[in-house]
């Protein structure tokens, strides 16, 4: 046997990018993925986010060859993947449940793909040692997988996915079963690792914070369709739709009107003048931090809930005279405000983000 793996047609071209064009996946009468096109550059991490049922995992499975395309194509390194079986696509796959083999120890799990590719025993041992060091698991070679903590098991699963040096690493909710602190820790470790290796990756998650921390770009799916793709800061500052604004975490989304003089109004309250919006008739506004509590702000309201989150008081205020469905806004404040307290709100105009109306 050769000491190094034999790469097949899926990696014959060193262009090193993934190109998904008009991908459509259908289950019976249900269109699970609808005309989705994305590109992942060589060495880039693209996160795919969206709520349950948005098509995130379906997209990943289609790229992996685990779901047939009803239409469209998938290309990697300039080579069409559509006719290639999953094991010939040069992919590393990692899932939420990590799916380690209970009958194998840590070293055996990491080396599994290497054996399938015909790596020599010496080369397998060398590669396993490299990955254990990289993952901070030196000395774990003979450990049984049932003895591992959740974080250790995920590191072993990641090492197994990376072991054959895949051109594309594919991660499907890899940290979804972990607690928040461990998830944040492993997300940071994975970001460092991907940068260090220059690894191209496609990462599926429902957690926008995880996606923003990990990815170079983020694609937002909704009901099988691509809503927007861009760098995390682009999605935050310029969401293309109200859905994207909501999903990336903007707490306040209002329908406002702009009169002929450019004066914005929301629920009868004047918000101020913004020249960029002078010609707008109707739009949705997604403020970044666009509401502040002020002693004499123009908008009145009453505190309905106050919580302490990450060093700040998060205050929910029911606004006097606000439109139906938009009466409660979320603000941050430097001190605790009691439930029922009367407050005045002021809008920070230069932090408003204009989004196209849903209609």
Protein backbone atom coordinates (compact mmCIF):
# COMPACT_ATOMS: atom_id res chain seq x y z
CA UNK A 1 0.00 0.00 0.00
CA UNK A 2 1.06 3.61 -0.58
CA UNK A 3 1.97 5.76 2.43
CA UNK A 4 -0.23 8.62 1.21
CA UNK A 5 -3.86 8.62 0.13
CA UNK A 6 -4.80 8.38 -3.52
CA UNK A 7 -6.90 11.38 -4.54
CA UNK A 8 -9.42 10.73 -7.30
CA UNK A 9 -11.16 12.85 -9.90
CA UNK A 10 -12.95 14.99 -7.33
CA UNK A 11 -9.68 16.74 -6.49
CA UNK A 12 -7.88 16.61 -9.81
CA UNK A 13 -8.14 20.38 -10.16
CA UNK A 14 -6.40 22.49 -7.51
CA UNK A 15 -8.77 25.47 -7.89
CA UNK A 16 -9.98 24.50 -4.41
CA UNK A 17 -13.44 26.02 -4.34
CA UNK A 18 -17.00 24.75 -4.05
CA UNK A 19 -19.64 25.98 -6.49
CA UNK A 20 -23.31 25.11 -5.93
CA UNK A 21 -25.55 26.28 -8.77
CA UNK A 22 -29.36 26.40 -8.66
CA UNK A 23 -29.47 23.38 -6.36
CA UNK A 24 -32.97 21.97 -5.86
CA UNK A 25 -33.93 19.02 -3.66
CA UNK A 26 -37.48 17.63 -3.59
CA UNK A 27 -39.06 15.20 -1.12
CA UNK A 28 -42.35 14.07 -2.64
CA UNK A 29 -44.41 17.23 -2.99
CA UNK A 30 -42.09 19.25 -0.71
CA UNK A 31 -39.33 21.43 -2.14
CA UNK A 32 -36.68 21.25 0.60
CA UNK A 33 -34.07 23.24 -1.30
CA UNK A 34 -35.21 25.72 -3.92
CA UNK A 35 -32.79 27.05 -6.55
CA UNK A 36 -29.93 27.76 -4.12
CA UNK A 37 -26.56 28.99 -5.43
CA UNK A 38 -23.50 29.52 -3.23
CA UNK A 39 -19.73 29.54 -3.72
CA UNK A 40 -17.07 28.77 -1.11
CA UNK A 41 -13.58 30.04 -1.85
CA UNK A 42 -10.42 28.06 -1.19
CA UNK A 43 -9.59 28.34 2.51
CA UNK A 44 -12.88 30.06 3.34
CA UNK A 45 -15.42 29.04 5.97
CA UNK A 46 -19.03 29.57 4.93
CA UNK A 47 -21.69 29.13 7.61
CA UNK A 48 -25.24 28.28 6.55
CA UNK A 49 -27.87 29.41 9.06
CA UNK A 50 -31.63 29.38 9.31
CA UNK A 51 -34.46 28.03 11.46
CA UNK A 52 -35.49 24.39 11.58
CA UNK A 53 -36.79 23.27 8.19
CA UNK A 54 -34.98 26.01 6.28
CA UNK A 55 -32.93 23.54 4.21
CA UNK A 56 -29.54 23.92 5.94
CA UNK A 57 -28.81 20.22 6.42
CA UNK A 58 -30.40 19.38 3.07
CA UNK A 59 -27.89 21.69 1.36
CA UNK A 60 -24.99 20.02 3.15
CA UNK A 61 -26.29 16.54 2.33
CA UNK A 62 -26.73 17.51 -1.31
CA UNK A 63 -23.13 18.71 -1.51
CA UNK A 64 -22.01 15.47 0.14
CA UNK A 65 -23.99 13.36 -2.32
CA UNK A 66 -26.32 12.04 0.38
CA UNK A 67 -29.37 13.65 -1.26
CA UNK A 68 -29.95 13.63 -5.04
CA UNK A 69 -30.48 16.94 -6.81
CA UNK A 70 -33.72 17.39 -8.70
CA UNK A 71 -32.03 20.27 -10.52
CA UNK A 72 -28.77 22.22 -10.40
CA UNK A 73 -25.15 21.15 -9.98
CA UNK A 74 -22.30 20.90 -7.48
CA UNK A 75 -18.71 21.51 -8.56
CA UNK A 76 -15.52 21.27 -6.48
CA UNK A 77 -12.17 22.36 -7.84
CA UNK A 78 -13.70 22.63 -11.29
CA UNK A 79 -14.91 19.02 -11.25
CA UNK A 80 -18.61 18.10 -11.40
CA UNK A 81 -19.52 16.07 -8.31
CA UNK A 82 -23.03 15.06 -9.29
CA UNK A 83 -22.07 11.59 -10.56
CA UNK A 84 -19.54 10.86 -7.79
CA UNK A 85 -20.37 8.80 -4.71
CA UNK A 86 -19.90 10.44 -1.31
CA UNK A 87 -16.65 8.58 -0.54
CA UNK A 88 -15.09 9.90 -3.76
CA UNK A 89 -15.88 13.58 -3.16
CA UNK A 90 -12.87 14.21 -0.85
CA UNK A 91 -15.02 15.50 2.01
CA UNK A 92 -14.65 15.41 5.77
CA UNK A 93 -18.02 15.06 7.53
CA UNK A 94 -18.82 15.85 11.16
CA UNK A 95 -22.28 15.72 12.72
CA UNK A 96 -23.89 16.82 15.99
CA UNK A 97 -23.97 13.31 17.51
CA UNK A 98 -20.28 12.79 16.48
CA UNK A 99 -21.09 9.08 15.80
CA UNK A 100 -17.83 7.68 17.17
CA UNK A 101 -17.40 3.92 16.83
CA UNK A 102 -17.82 2.48 20.36
CA UNK A 103 -15.77 -0.63 19.59
CA UNK A 104 -12.72 1.46 18.63
CA UNK A 105 -10.46 3.51 20.89
CA UNK A 106 -9.63 7.14 20.17
CA UNK A 107 -6.75 6.31 17.83
CA UNK A 108 -8.86 3.74 16.00
CA UNK A 109 -11.64 6.26 15.44
CA UNK A 110 -9.29 8.92 14.08
CA UNK A 111 -7.52 6.42 11.83
CA UNK A 112 -10.70 4.84 10.45
CA UNK A 113 -10.84 6.89 7.25
CA UNK A 114 -7.10 6.48 6.73
CA UNK A 115 -7.42 2.69 6.76
CA UNK A 116 -10.27 2.92 4.27
CA UNK A 117 -8.01 4.96 1.98
CA UNK A 118 -5.10 2.52 2.27
CA UNK A 119 -2.66 4.56 4.34
CA UNK A 120 0.19 2.45 5.79
CA UNK A 121 0.19 1.69 9.53
CA UNK A 122 3.21 3.91 10.09
CA UNK A 123 1.64 6.84 8.28
CA UNK A 124 -1.62 6.31 10.17
CA UNK A 125 0.19 6.46 13.52
CA UNK A 126 2.01 9.60 12.47
CA UNK A 127 -1.18 11.33 11.30
CA UNK A 128 -3.12 10.32 14.42
CA UNK A 129 -0.33 11.71 16.60
CA UNK A 130 -0.35 15.00 14.67
CA UNK A 131 -4.10 15.40 15.15
CA UNK A 132 -4.11 14.45 18.83
CA UNK A 133 -1.50 17.16 19.43
CA UNK A 134 -3.46 19.63 17.33
CA UNK A 135 -6.64 18.88 19.31
CA UNK A 136 -4.97 19.02 22.71
CA UNK A 137 -5.60 15.30 23.24
CA UNK A 138 -2.05 13.92 23.44
CA UNK A 139 -2.04 10.71 25.44
CA UNK A 140 -5.64 9.84 24.57
CA UNK A 141 -4.72 7.27 21.90
CA UNK A 142 -5.92 4.23 23.84
CA UNK A 143 -8.86 5.89 25.60
CA UNK A 144 -12.26 4.25 25.13
CA UNK A 145 -14.79 6.63 23.60
CA UNK A 146 -17.31 6.07 26.42
CA UNK A 147 -14.73 7.58 28.80
CA UNK A 148 -14.64 10.89 26.90
CA UNK A 149 -16.42 14.06 27.93
CA UNK A 150 -18.72 15.75 25.42
CA UNK A 151 -16.03 18.23 24.40
CA UNK A 152 -13.38 15.52 24.08
CA UNK A 153 -15.69 13.38 21.94
CA UNK A 154 -16.31 16.33 19.60
CA UNK A 155 -12.57 16.92 19.28
CA UNK A 156 -12.05 13.26 18.36
CA UNK A 157 -14.86 13.45 15.80
CA UNK A 158 -13.30 16.59 14.31
CA UNK A 159 -9.89 14.89 14.19
CA UNK A 160 -11.44 11.91 12.39
CA UNK A 161 -13.04 14.23 9.81
CA UNK A 162 -9.75 16.06 9.24
CA UNK A 163 -7.52 12.97 9.22
CA UNK A 164 -7.64 12.19 5.45
CA UNK A 165 -6.82 15.86 4.67
CA UNK A 166 -10.12 16.56 2.87
CA UNK A 167 -10.40 19.46 0.48
CA UNK A 168 -13.76 20.39 2.09
CA UNK A 169 -14.73 19.99 5.74
CA UNK A 170 -18.49 19.77 6.28
CA UNK A 171 -19.94 20.39 9.74
CA UNK A 172 -23.61 19.82 10.55
CA UNK A 173 -24.56 21.38 13.93
CA UNK A 174 -21.33 19.99 15.44
CA UNK A 175 -21.75 21.70 18.83
CA UNK A 176 -25.54 21.67 19.09
CA UNK A 177 -25.65 19.16 21.96
CA UNK A 178 -23.10 20.99 24.14
CA UNK A 179 -23.67 23.58 26.83
CA UNK A 180 -23.11 27.22 25.99
CA UNK A 181 -19.70 27.67 27.64
CA UNK A 182 -18.23 24.56 26.02
CA UNK A 183 -19.84 25.44 22.68
CA UNK A 184 -18.23 28.90 22.72
CA UNK A 185 -14.87 27.41 23.69
CA UNK A 186 -14.94 24.82 20.89
CA UNK A 187 -16.13 27.39 18.36
CA UNK A 188 -13.07 29.50 19.13
CA UNK A 189 -10.80 26.46 18.91
CA UNK A 190 -12.32 25.48 15.57
CA UNK A 191 -11.86 28.99 14.17
CA UNK A 192 -8.19 28.92 15.15
CA UNK A 193 -7.77 25.43 13.69
CA UNK A 194 -9.39 26.27 10.35
CA UNK A 195 -7.21 29.37 10.02
CA UNK A 196 -4.08 27.43 10.94
CA UNK A 197 -4.80 24.67 8.42
CA UNK A 198 -6.19 26.93 5.68
CA UNK A 199 -9.10 24.48 5.58
CA UNK A 200 -12.11 25.12 3.35
CA UNK A 201 -15.28 24.48 5.35
CA UNK A 202 -19.06 24.48 5.05
CA UNK A 203 -20.64 24.85 8.49
CA UNK A 204 -24.37 24.37 9.18
CA UNK A 205 -25.88 25.78 12.38
CA UNK A 206 -29.10 27.30 13.70
CA UNK A 207 -27.07 29.58 16.02
CA UNK A 208 -26.24 32.92 14.41
CA UNK A 209 -23.76 33.81 17.17
CA UNK A 210 -21.81 30.62 16.45
CA UNK A 211 -21.93 31.36 12.72
CA UNK A 212 -20.71 34.94 13.17
CA UNK A 213 -17.85 33.83 15.44
CA UNK A 214 -16.68 31.07 13.11
CA UNK A 215 -17.35 32.02 9.50
CA UNK A 216 -15.81 34.33 6.94
CA UNK A 217 -19.23 34.61 5.28
CA UNK A 218 -22.72 33.58 6.32
CA UNK A 219 -25.61 32.36 4.12
CA UNK A 220 -29.14 32.71 5.51
CA UNK A 221 -31.77 30.20 4.34
CA UNK A 222 -35.51 30.39 4.79
CA UNK A 223 -37.97 27.71 3.64
CA UNK A 224 -35.40 26.27 1.26
CA UNK A 225 -34.46 29.58 -0.38
CA UNK A 226 -31.37 31.72 0.00
CA UNK A 227 -32.27 35.05 1.62
CA UNK A 228 -28.82 36.66 1.79
CA UNK A 229 -25.13 35.80 1.87
CA UNK A 230 -22.30 38.06 3.05
CA UNK A 231 -19.74 38.76 5.73
CA UNK A 232 -21.16 38.77 9.27
CA UNK A 233 -20.83 42.55 9.56
CA UNK A 234 -22.64 43.01 6.24
CA UNK A 235 -25.59 40.93 7.36
CA UNK A 236 -25.73 42.85 10.64
CA UNK A 237 -25.42 46.34 9.17
CA UNK A 238 -27.36 45.79 5.94
CA UNK A 239 -29.89 42.95 6.24
CA UNK A 240 -31.64 42.54 2.91
CA UNK A 241 -35.01 41.45 4.31
CA UNK A 242 -36.96 41.74 7.58
CA UNK A 243 -36.40 37.99 8.08
CA UNK A 244 -32.61 38.37 7.93
CA UNK A 245 -32.78 41.33 10.31
CA UNK A 246 -34.73 39.21 12.79
CA UNK A 247 -32.55 36.14 12.42
CA UNK A 248 -29.22 37.89 12.92
CA UNK A 249 -30.53 39.32 16.16
CA UNK A 250 -31.87 42.84 15.68
CA UNK A 251 -34.36 43.13 18.55
CA UNK A 252 -36.40 46.07 17.24
CA UNK A 253 -38.04 45.99 13.82
CA UNK A 254 -40.61 48.64 12.99
CA UNK A 255 -42.64 49.67 9.99
CA UNK A 256 -42.19 53.41 9.59
CA UNK A 257 -43.30 56.03 7.09
CA UNK A 258 -41.37 58.95 5.66
CA UNK A 259 -43.22 62.10 4.65
CA UNK A 260 -42.26 64.46 1.84
CA UNK A 261 -39.83 66.30 4.12
CA UNK A 262 -38.05 63.09 5.13
CA UNK A 263 -39.51 63.01 8.61
CA UNK A 264 -39.79 59.41 9.83
CA UNK A 265 -42.85 58.47 11.84
CA UNK A 266 -43.59 55.34 13.82
CA UNK A 267 -46.89 55.00 15.61
CA UNK A 268 -47.44 58.74 15.37
CA UNK A 269 -44.10 59.56 17.03
CA UNK A 270 -41.57 61.61 15.07
CA UNK A 271 -38.22 59.78 14.86
CA UNK A 272 -36.15 62.43 13.07
CA UNK A 273 -34.75 63.25 9.65
CA UNK A 274 -32.56 60.90 7.65
CA UNK A 275 -31.61 62.23 4.16
CA UNK A 276 -31.01 58.75 2.74
CA UNK A 277 -34.66 57.90 3.36
CA UNK A 278 -36.23 61.03 1.91
CA UNK A 279 -37.77 59.22 -1.06
CA UNK A 280 -39.01 56.24 0.92
CA UNK A 281 -42.73 55.69 1.28
CA UNK A 282 -42.68 52.59 3.45
CA UNK A 283 -39.84 50.54 4.84
CA UNK A 284 -38.85 48.31 7.71
CA UNK A 285 -36.23 49.63 10.10
CA UNK A 286 -33.91 47.30 12.02
CA UNK A 287 -31.99 49.34 14.57
CA UNK A 288 -28.58 48.14 15.72
CA UNK A 289 -28.89 49.86 19.09
CA UNK A 290 -31.32 52.45 17.96
CA UNK A 291 -33.33 53.03 21.09
CA UNK A 292 -32.05 54.67 24.24
CA UNK A 293 -33.69 55.57 27.53
CA UNK A 294 -33.70 59.31 28.03
CA UNK A 295 -35.12 61.57 30.73
CA UNK A 296 -37.00 63.65 28.18
CA UNK A 297 -37.08 61.52 25.02
CA UNK A 298 -39.99 62.10 22.62
CA UNK A 299 -41.50 58.60 22.94
CA UNK A 300 -43.22 57.50 26.15
CA UNK A 301 -43.45 53.97 27.48
CA UNK A 302 -43.53 51.69 30.49
CA UNK A 303 -41.10 48.93 31.53
CA UNK A 304 -42.65 45.45 31.29
CA UNK A 305 -39.54 43.33 31.89
CA UNK A 306 -35.91 43.82 32.91
CA UNK A 307 -33.13 41.20 32.91
CA UNK A 308 -29.37 41.30 33.40
CA UNK A 309 -27.50 39.84 30.41
CA UNK A 310 -23.73 39.88 29.83
CA UNK A 311 -23.05 42.89 32.01
CA UNK A 312 -25.95 45.03 30.81
CA UNK A 313 -29.56 45.55 31.82
CA UNK A 314 -31.86 44.41 29.02
CA UNK A 315 -35.11 46.34 29.30
CA UNK A 316 -38.36 45.66 27.43
CA UNK A 317 -40.65 48.66 27.12
CA UNK A 318 -44.27 48.85 25.96
CA UNK A 319 -44.46 52.04 23.91
CA UNK A 320 -47.38 54.44 24.13
CA UNK A 321 -49.36 54.59 20.89
CA UNK A 322 -47.19 52.11 18.98
CA UNK A 323 -48.69 50.14 16.06
CA UNK A 324 -50.21 46.74 16.82
CA UNK A 325 -47.55 44.05 16.98
CA UNK A 326 -44.74 46.57 17.39
CA UNK A 327 -45.55 47.92 20.84
CA UNK A 328 -42.60 46.35 22.73
CA UNK A 329 -39.05 47.50 22.11
CA UNK A 330 -35.82 46.24 23.65
CA UNK A 331 -33.15 48.58 25.00
CA UNK A 332 -29.98 48.33 27.05
CA UNK A 333 -29.47 50.50 30.09
CA UNK A 334 -26.64 51.08 32.54
CA UNK A 335 -28.84 50.55 35.60
CA UNK A 336 -31.80 48.40 36.56
CA UNK A 337 -35.26 49.77 35.79
CA UNK A 338 -38.17 48.38 37.76
CA UNK A 339 -41.19 46.80 36.09
CA UNK A 340 -43.91 49.40 35.60
CA UNK A 341 -41.49 52.34 35.61
CA UNK A 342 -42.41 55.15 33.21
CA UNK A 343 -39.62 55.95 30.75
CA UNK A 344 -38.98 58.18 27.76
CA UNK A 345 -37.31 56.75 24.66
CA UNK A 346 -35.15 58.46 22.08
CA UNK A 347 -34.08 56.95 18.74
CA UNK A 348 -30.45 57.14 17.62
CA UNK A 349 -31.06 58.02 13.99
CA UNK A 350 -27.58 57.28 12.63
CA UNK A 351 -27.86 53.71 13.90
CA UNK A 352 -31.04 52.91 12.02
CA UNK A 353 -30.79 50.32 9.24
CA UNK A 354 -33.28 50.54 6.36
CA UNK A 355 -34.60 47.22 5.07
CA UNK A 356 -36.91 46.70 2.11
CA UNK A 357 -40.55 46.35 3.11
CA UNK A 358 -41.82 42.78 3.34
CA UNK A 359 -44.42 43.72 0.77
